[in-house]
Amino acid sequence: MDPLARIRAICLDLPESTERPSHGSPTFFVAAKKAFVYYLEDRHREPGTTIWCPAPLGVQAEMVAAEPTRFFVPPYVGHRGWIGVRLDVEPDWDEVAEIVRDGYRLVAPKRLSALLT
């Protein structure tokens, strides 16, 4: 399965998530309002396939320090704690799914976040 198909499956499995283009790239939204995953290919100085998503406080710095070949601080949203994940460097898809779910929880309304187990 290609990376976009995997990301799409992970994201669209979450309550009230939708996909639509934003800035020329597939982007996933919760409740049709707030983005929780940007999917990018060879964009913004990062070669290869990546996703950007919000991360809980402190997680971005921890992950980038631990594995800079897999994680990075994305431009534009990195200063708000978002994390960049390289999908062309042997991704651990269970870990990617958890990162996406954490990002979803951060932007979803409480009623939707509560539906995740």
N, C-alpha and C. Protein backbone atom coordinates (compact mmCIF):
# COMPACT_ATOMS: atom_id res chain seq x y z
N MET A 1 0.85 -1.18 0.00
CA MET A 1 0.00 0.00 0.00
C MET A 1 0.89 1.24 0.00
N ASP A 2 0.55 2.21 -0.84
CA ASP A 2 1.37 3.42 -0.89
C ASP A 2 1.12 4.28 0.36
N PRO A 3 2.07 5.18 0.66
CA PRO A 3 1.95 5.98 1.90
C PRO A 3 0.66 6.80 1.99
N LEU A 4 0.24 7.41 0.89
CA LEU A 4 -0.99 8.20 0.96
C LEU A 4 -2.19 7.32 1.29
N ALA A 5 -2.26 6.15 0.70
CA ALA A 5 -3.37 5.25 0.99
C ALA A 5 -3.37 4.85 2.46
N ARG A 6 -2.19 4.60 3.02
CA ARG A 6 -2.11 4.24 4.44
C ARG A 6 -2.54 5.41 5.32
N ILE A 7 -2.02 6.60 5.04
CA ILE A 7 -2.38 7.79 5.83
C ILE A 7 -3.88 8.05 5.71
N ARG A 8 -4.39 7.94 4.49
CA ARG A 8 -5.82 8.15 4.27
C ARG A 8 -6.64 7.18 5.12
N ALA A 9 -6.25 5.92 5.14
CA ALA A 9 -6.98 4.92 5.93
C ALA A 9 -6.92 5.23 7.42
N ILE A 10 -5.76 5.63 7.90
CA ILE A 10 -5.60 5.97 9.32
C ILE A 10 -6.47 7.17 9.67
N CYS A 11 -6.38 8.22 8.87
CA CYS A 11 -7.09 9.46 9.18
C CYS A 11 -8.60 9.32 9.04
N LEU A 12 -9.04 8.71 7.96
CA LEU A 12 -10.48 8.64 7.71
C LEU A 12 -11.19 7.64 8.60
N ASP A 13 -10.43 6.87 9.37
CA ASP A 13 -11.02 5.97 10.36
C ASP A 13 -11.41 6.73 11.64
N LEU A 14 -10.97 7.95 11.76
CA LEU A 14 -11.25 8.75 12.96
C LEU A 14 -12.59 9.45 12.82
N PRO A 15 -13.32 9.64 13.92
CA PRO A 15 -14.66 10.23 13.86
C PRO A 15 -14.68 11.61 13.20
N GLU A 16 -15.61 11.77 12.28
CA GLU A 16 -15.86 13.03 11.58
C GLU A 16 -14.61 13.61 10.91
N SER A 17 -13.74 12.76 10.41
CA SER A 17 -12.58 13.25 9.67
C SER A 17 -12.90 13.27 8.19
N THR A 18 -12.33 14.25 7.52
CA THR A 18 -12.53 14.41 6.09
C THR A 18 -11.20 14.76 5.44
N GLU A 19 -11.17 14.61 4.13
CA GLU A 19 -9.98 14.96 3.35
C GLU A 19 -10.36 15.97 2.29
N ARG A 20 -9.50 16.96 2.13
CA ARG A 20 -9.63 17.89 1.02
C ARG A 20 -8.27 18.54 0.79
N PRO A 21 -8.02 19.02 -0.41
CA PRO A 21 -6.73 19.66 -0.67
C PRO A 21 -6.61 20.97 0.10
N SER A 22 -5.41 21.23 0.55
CA SER A 22 -5.08 22.51 1.17
C SER A 22 -3.66 22.85 0.75
N HIS A 23 -3.49 24.01 0.16
CA HIS A 23 -2.18 24.42 -0.33
C HIS A 23 -1.60 23.39 -1.30
N GLY A 24 -2.46 22.74 -2.09
CA GLY A 24 -2.03 21.80 -3.10
C GLY A 24 -1.69 20.41 -2.62
N SER A 25 -1.99 20.09 -1.37
CA SER A 25 -1.66 18.77 -0.83
C SER A 25 -2.87 18.17 -0.12
N PRO A 26 -2.95 16.83 -0.09
CA PRO A 26 -4.02 16.20 0.68
C PRO A 26 -3.90 16.59 2.16
N THR A 27 -5.00 17.01 2.71
CA THR A 27 -5.03 17.45 4.11
C THR A 27 -6.26 16.85 4.77
N PHE A 28 -6.08 16.46 6.02
CA PHE A 28 -7.16 15.80 6.76
C PHE A 28 -7.64 16.71 7.88
N PHE A 29 -8.96 16.83 7.97
CA PHE A 29 -9.60 17.75 8.90
C PHE A 29 -10.52 16.99 9.84
N VAL A 30 -10.71 17.54 11.01
CA VAL A 30 -11.70 17.00 11.96
C VAL A 30 -12.87 17.97 11.99
N ALA A 31 -14.07 17.41 11.95
CA ALA A 31 -15.30 18.19 11.96
C ALA A 31 -15.29 19.25 10.86
N ALA A 32 -14.63 18.95 9.75
CA ALA A 32 -14.54 19.81 8.57
C ALA A 32 -13.93 21.18 8.86
N LYS A 33 -13.25 21.34 10.00
CA LYS A 33 -12.74 22.66 10.36
C LYS A 33 -11.25 22.71 10.59
N LYS A 34 -10.72 21.86 11.44
CA LYS A 34 -9.33 21.98 11.86
C LYS A 34 -8.48 20.87 11.25
N ALA A 35 -7.37 21.28 10.64
CA ALA A 35 -6.46 20.31 10.05
C ALA A 35 -5.72 19.56 11.15
N PHE A 36 -5.55 18.25 10.94
CA PHE A 36 -4.74 17.48 11.87
C PHE A 36 -3.64 16.68 11.17
N VAL A 37 -3.66 16.60 9.85
CA VAL A 37 -2.56 15.99 9.10
C VAL A 37 -2.45 16.67 7.74
N TYR A 38 -1.23 17.11 7.43
CA TYR A 38 -0.88 17.54 6.09
C TYR A 38 0.01 16.46 5.49
N TYR A 39 -0.30 16.02 4.29
CA TYR A 39 0.49 15.01 3.58
C TYR A 39 1.23 15.74 2.46
N LEU A 40 2.55 15.64 2.47
CA LEU A 40 3.35 16.38 1.49
C LEU A 40 4.38 15.48 0.81
N GLU A 41 4.62 15.76 -0.46
CA GLU A 41 5.65 15.05 -1.21
C GLU A 41 6.61 16.09 -1.79
N ASP A 42 7.89 15.99 -1.37
CA ASP A 42 8.94 16.88 -1.88
C ASP A 42 8.55 18.35 -1.80
N ARG A 43 8.10 18.77 -0.62
CA ARG A 43 7.67 20.15 -0.44
C ARG A 43 8.37 20.77 0.76
N HIS A 44 8.53 22.07 0.70
CA HIS A 44 9.03 22.87 1.82
C HIS A 44 10.37 22.39 2.35
N ARG A 45 11.31 22.23 1.46
CA ARG A 45 12.70 21.88 1.82
C ARG A 45 12.86 20.49 2.41
N GLU A 46 11.82 19.71 2.46
CA GLU A 46 11.92 18.33 2.96
C GLU A 46 11.71 17.38 1.79
N PRO A 47 12.77 16.70 1.36
CA PRO A 47 12.60 15.75 0.26
C PRO A 47 11.82 14.53 0.71
N GLY A 48 11.17 13.88 -0.24
CA GLY A 48 10.45 12.66 0.07
C GLY A 48 9.04 12.92 0.55
N THR A 49 8.44 11.88 1.07
CA THR A 49 7.06 11.92 1.52
C THR A 49 7.03 12.13 3.03
N THR A 50 6.24 13.11 3.46
CA THR A 50 6.16 13.44 4.88
C THR A 50 4.71 13.74 5.27
N ILE A 51 4.47 13.68 6.57
CA ILE A 51 3.23 14.25 7.12
C ILE A 51 3.64 15.23 8.21
N TRP A 52 2.78 16.19 8.42
CA TRP A 52 2.92 17.12 9.54
C TRP A 52 1.66 17.00 10.36
N CYS A 53 1.82 16.92 11.68
CA CYS A 53 0.63 16.90 12.54
C CYS A 53 0.97 17.46 13.92
N PRO A 54 -0.05 17.95 14.62
CA PRO A 54 0.19 18.48 15.95
C PRO A 54 0.63 17.38 16.89
N ALA A 55 1.45 17.77 17.86
CA ALA A 55 1.95 16.80 18.85
C ALA A 55 1.78 17.39 20.25
N PRO A 56 1.59 16.54 21.23
CA PRO A 56 1.48 17.03 22.61
C PRO A 56 2.74 17.79 23.02
N LEU A 57 2.59 18.67 23.96
CA LEU A 57 3.68 19.51 24.45
C LEU A 57 4.92 18.68 24.77
N GLY A 58 6.04 19.05 24.20
CA GLY A 58 7.32 18.41 24.48
C GLY A 58 7.65 17.22 23.59
N VAL A 59 6.65 16.65 22.93
CA VAL A 59 6.87 15.45 22.12
C VAL A 59 7.72 15.76 20.89
N GLN A 60 7.45 16.88 20.25
CA GLN A 60 8.22 17.24 19.05
C GLN A 60 9.72 17.24 19.34
N ALA A 61 10.14 17.98 20.36
CA ALA A 61 11.56 18.08 20.69
C ALA A 61 12.15 16.72 21.04
N GLU A 62 11.41 15.94 21.79
CA GLU A 62 11.87 14.61 22.20
C GLU A 62 12.09 13.69 20.99
N MET A 63 11.13 13.67 20.09
CA MET A 63 11.23 12.76 18.94
C MET A 63 12.29 13.21 17.95
N VAL A 64 12.38 14.52 17.71
CA VAL A 64 13.40 15.03 16.79
C VAL A 64 14.79 14.76 17.34
N ALA A 65 14.98 14.96 18.63
CA ALA A 65 16.29 14.69 19.24
C ALA A 65 16.64 13.20 19.19
N ALA A 66 15.65 12.34 19.40
CA ALA A 66 15.89 10.90 19.44
C ALA A 66 16.13 10.30 18.06
N GLU A 67 15.40 10.78 17.05
CA GLU A 67 15.49 10.20 15.71
C GLU A 67 15.37 11.27 14.62
N PRO A 68 16.41 12.08 14.43
CA PRO A 68 16.33 13.17 13.46
C PRO A 68 16.25 12.70 12.00
N THR A 69 16.53 11.44 11.74
CA THR A 69 16.37 10.95 10.37
C THR A 69 14.90 10.65 10.05
N ARG A 70 14.09 10.47 11.08
CA ARG A 70 12.67 10.16 10.89
C ARG A 70 11.74 11.31 11.22
N PHE A 71 12.16 12.17 12.14
CA PHE A 71 11.29 13.26 12.60
C PHE A 71 11.98 14.60 12.42
N PHE A 72 11.20 15.66 12.18
CA PHE A 72 11.76 17.00 11.99
C PHE A 72 10.74 18.04 12.44
N VAL A 73 11.23 19.27 12.59
CA VAL A 73 10.37 20.40 12.92
C VAL A 73 9.93 21.02 11.60
N PRO A 74 8.65 20.92 11.27
CA PRO A 74 8.19 21.44 9.98
C PRO A 74 8.11 22.97 9.97
N PRO A 75 8.34 23.57 8.80
CA PRO A 75 8.18 25.02 8.72
C PRO A 75 6.72 25.41 8.91
N TYR A 76 6.49 26.67 9.22
CA TYR A 76 5.16 27.26 9.37
C TYR A 76 4.41 26.81 10.62
N VAL A 77 4.40 25.53 10.94
CA VAL A 77 3.63 25.03 12.08
C VAL A 77 4.51 24.44 13.19
N GLY A 78 5.78 24.28 12.91
CA GLY A 78 6.69 23.68 13.90
C GLY A 78 6.78 24.48 15.18
N HIS A 79 6.70 25.80 15.09
CA HIS A 79 6.78 26.63 16.29
C HIS A 79 5.59 26.42 17.22
N ARG A 80 4.53 25.78 16.71
CA ARG A 80 3.36 25.47 17.53
C ARG A 80 3.38 24.04 18.04
N GLY A 81 4.51 23.35 17.88
CA GLY A 81 4.65 22.01 18.41
C GLY A 81 4.32 20.90 17.44
N TRP A 82 4.01 21.24 16.20
CA TRP A 82 3.71 20.20 15.22
C TRP A 82 4.99 19.42 14.91
N ILE A 83 4.81 18.16 14.53
CA ILE A 83 5.95 17.32 14.20
C ILE A 83 5.86 16.87 12.74
N GLY A 84 7.02 16.82 12.10
CA GLY A 84 7.11 16.27 10.75
C GLY A 84 7.59 14.84 10.85
N VAL A 85 6.97 13.97 10.08
CA VAL A 85 7.30 12.54 10.08
C VAL A 85 7.66 12.14 8.65
N ARG A 86 8.85 11.62 8.46
CA ARG A 86 9.26 11.14 7.13
C ARG A 86 8.69 9.75 6.92
N LEU A 87 7.97 9.59 5.83
CA LEU A 87 7.35 8.30 5.53
C LEU A 87 8.17 7.46 4.56
N ASP A 88 9.27 8.02 4.08
CA ASP A 88 10.12 7.28 3.16
C ASP A 88 11.36 6.71 3.86
N VAL A 89 11.34 6.70 5.19
CA VAL A 89 12.45 6.16 6.00
C VAL A 89 11.89 5.04 6.87
N GLU A 90 11.53 3.93 6.25
CA GLU A 90 11.04 2.75 6.98
C GLU A 90 10.07 3.12 8.11
N PRO A 91 8.91 3.64 7.79
CA PRO A 91 7.99 4.05 8.85
C PRO A 91 7.47 2.86 9.65
N ASP A 92 7.32 3.09 10.93
CA ASP A 92 6.63 2.14 11.80
C ASP A 92 5.17 2.59 11.76
N TRP A 93 4.35 1.88 11.01
CA TRP A 93 2.99 2.34 10.77
C TRP A 93 2.13 2.37 12.02
N ASP A 94 2.40 1.52 12.99
CA ASP A 94 1.68 1.60 14.26
C ASP A 94 2.02 2.90 14.97
N GLU A 95 3.30 3.27 14.95
CA GLU A 95 3.73 4.53 15.57
C GLU A 95 3.14 5.72 14.82
N VAL A 96 3.15 5.67 13.49
CA VAL A 96 2.56 6.75 12.69
C VAL A 96 1.07 6.90 13.04
N ALA A 97 0.37 5.79 13.14
CA ALA A 97 -1.06 5.85 13.49
C ALA A 97 -1.26 6.50 14.86
N GLU A 98 -0.39 6.19 15.81
CA GLU A 98 -0.52 6.80 17.14
C GLU A 98 -0.21 8.30 17.10
N ILE A 99 0.76 8.69 16.31
CA ILE A 99 1.08 10.12 16.15
C ILE A 99 -0.12 10.85 15.55
N VAL A 100 -0.73 10.26 14.54
CA VAL A 100 -1.91 10.86 13.91
C VAL A 100 -3.06 10.95 14.92
N ARG A 101 -3.29 9.90 15.66
CA ARG A 101 -4.37 9.90 16.66
C ARG A 101 -4.12 10.96 17.74
N ASP A 102 -2.88 11.10 18.17
CA ASP A 102 -2.55 12.14 19.16
C ASP A 102 -2.82 13.53 18.59
N GLY A 103 -2.45 13.73 17.32
CA GLY A 103 -2.72 15.01 16.67
C GLY A 103 -4.20 15.29 16.56
N TYR A 104 -4.95 14.27 16.21
CA TYR A 104 -6.40 14.40 16.12
C TYR A 104 -6.98 14.83 17.46
N ARG A 105 -6.55 14.15 18.53
CA ARG A 105 -7.06 14.47 19.88
C ARG A 105 -6.80 15.93 20.25
N LEU A 106 -5.69 16.48 19.79
CA LEU A 106 -5.34 17.85 20.14
C LEU A 106 -6.24 18.89 19.48
N VAL A 107 -6.78 18.58 18.31
CA VAL A 107 -7.59 19.58 17.61
C VAL A 107 -9.08 19.25 17.58
N ALA A 108 -9.45 18.01 17.86
CA ALA A 108 -10.85 17.60 17.80
C ALA A 108 -11.65 18.18 18.96
N PRO A 109 -12.92 18.43 18.73
CA PRO A 109 -13.79 18.81 19.85
C PRO A 109 -13.79 17.67 20.89
N LYS A 110 -14.01 18.01 22.12
CA LYS A 110 -13.97 17.02 23.21
C LYS A 110 -14.92 15.87 22.98
N ARG A 111 -16.07 16.13 22.41
CA ARG A 111 -17.04 15.06 22.17
C ARG A 111 -16.49 14.02 21.21
N LEU A 112 -15.66 14.44 20.24
CA LEU A 112 -15.06 13.50 19.30
C LEU A 112 -13.82 12.82 19.88
N SER A 113 -13.00 13.58 20.59
CA SER A 113 -11.83 12.98 21.24
C SER A 113 -12.24 11.88 22.20
N ALA A 114 -13.37 12.07 22.86
CA ALA A 114 -13.84 11.08 23.84
C ALA A 114 -14.23 9.76 23.18
N LEU A 115 -14.46 9.76 21.89
CA LEU A 115 -14.84 8.53 21.19
C LEU A 115 -13.65 7.62 20.93
N LEU A 116 -12.43 8.15 21.03
CA LEU A 116 -11.24 7.34 20.80
C LEU A 116 -10.91 6.55 22.05
N THR A 117 -10.50 5.31 21.87
CA THR A 117 -10.14 4.50 23.03
C THR A 117 -8.65 4.37 23.13
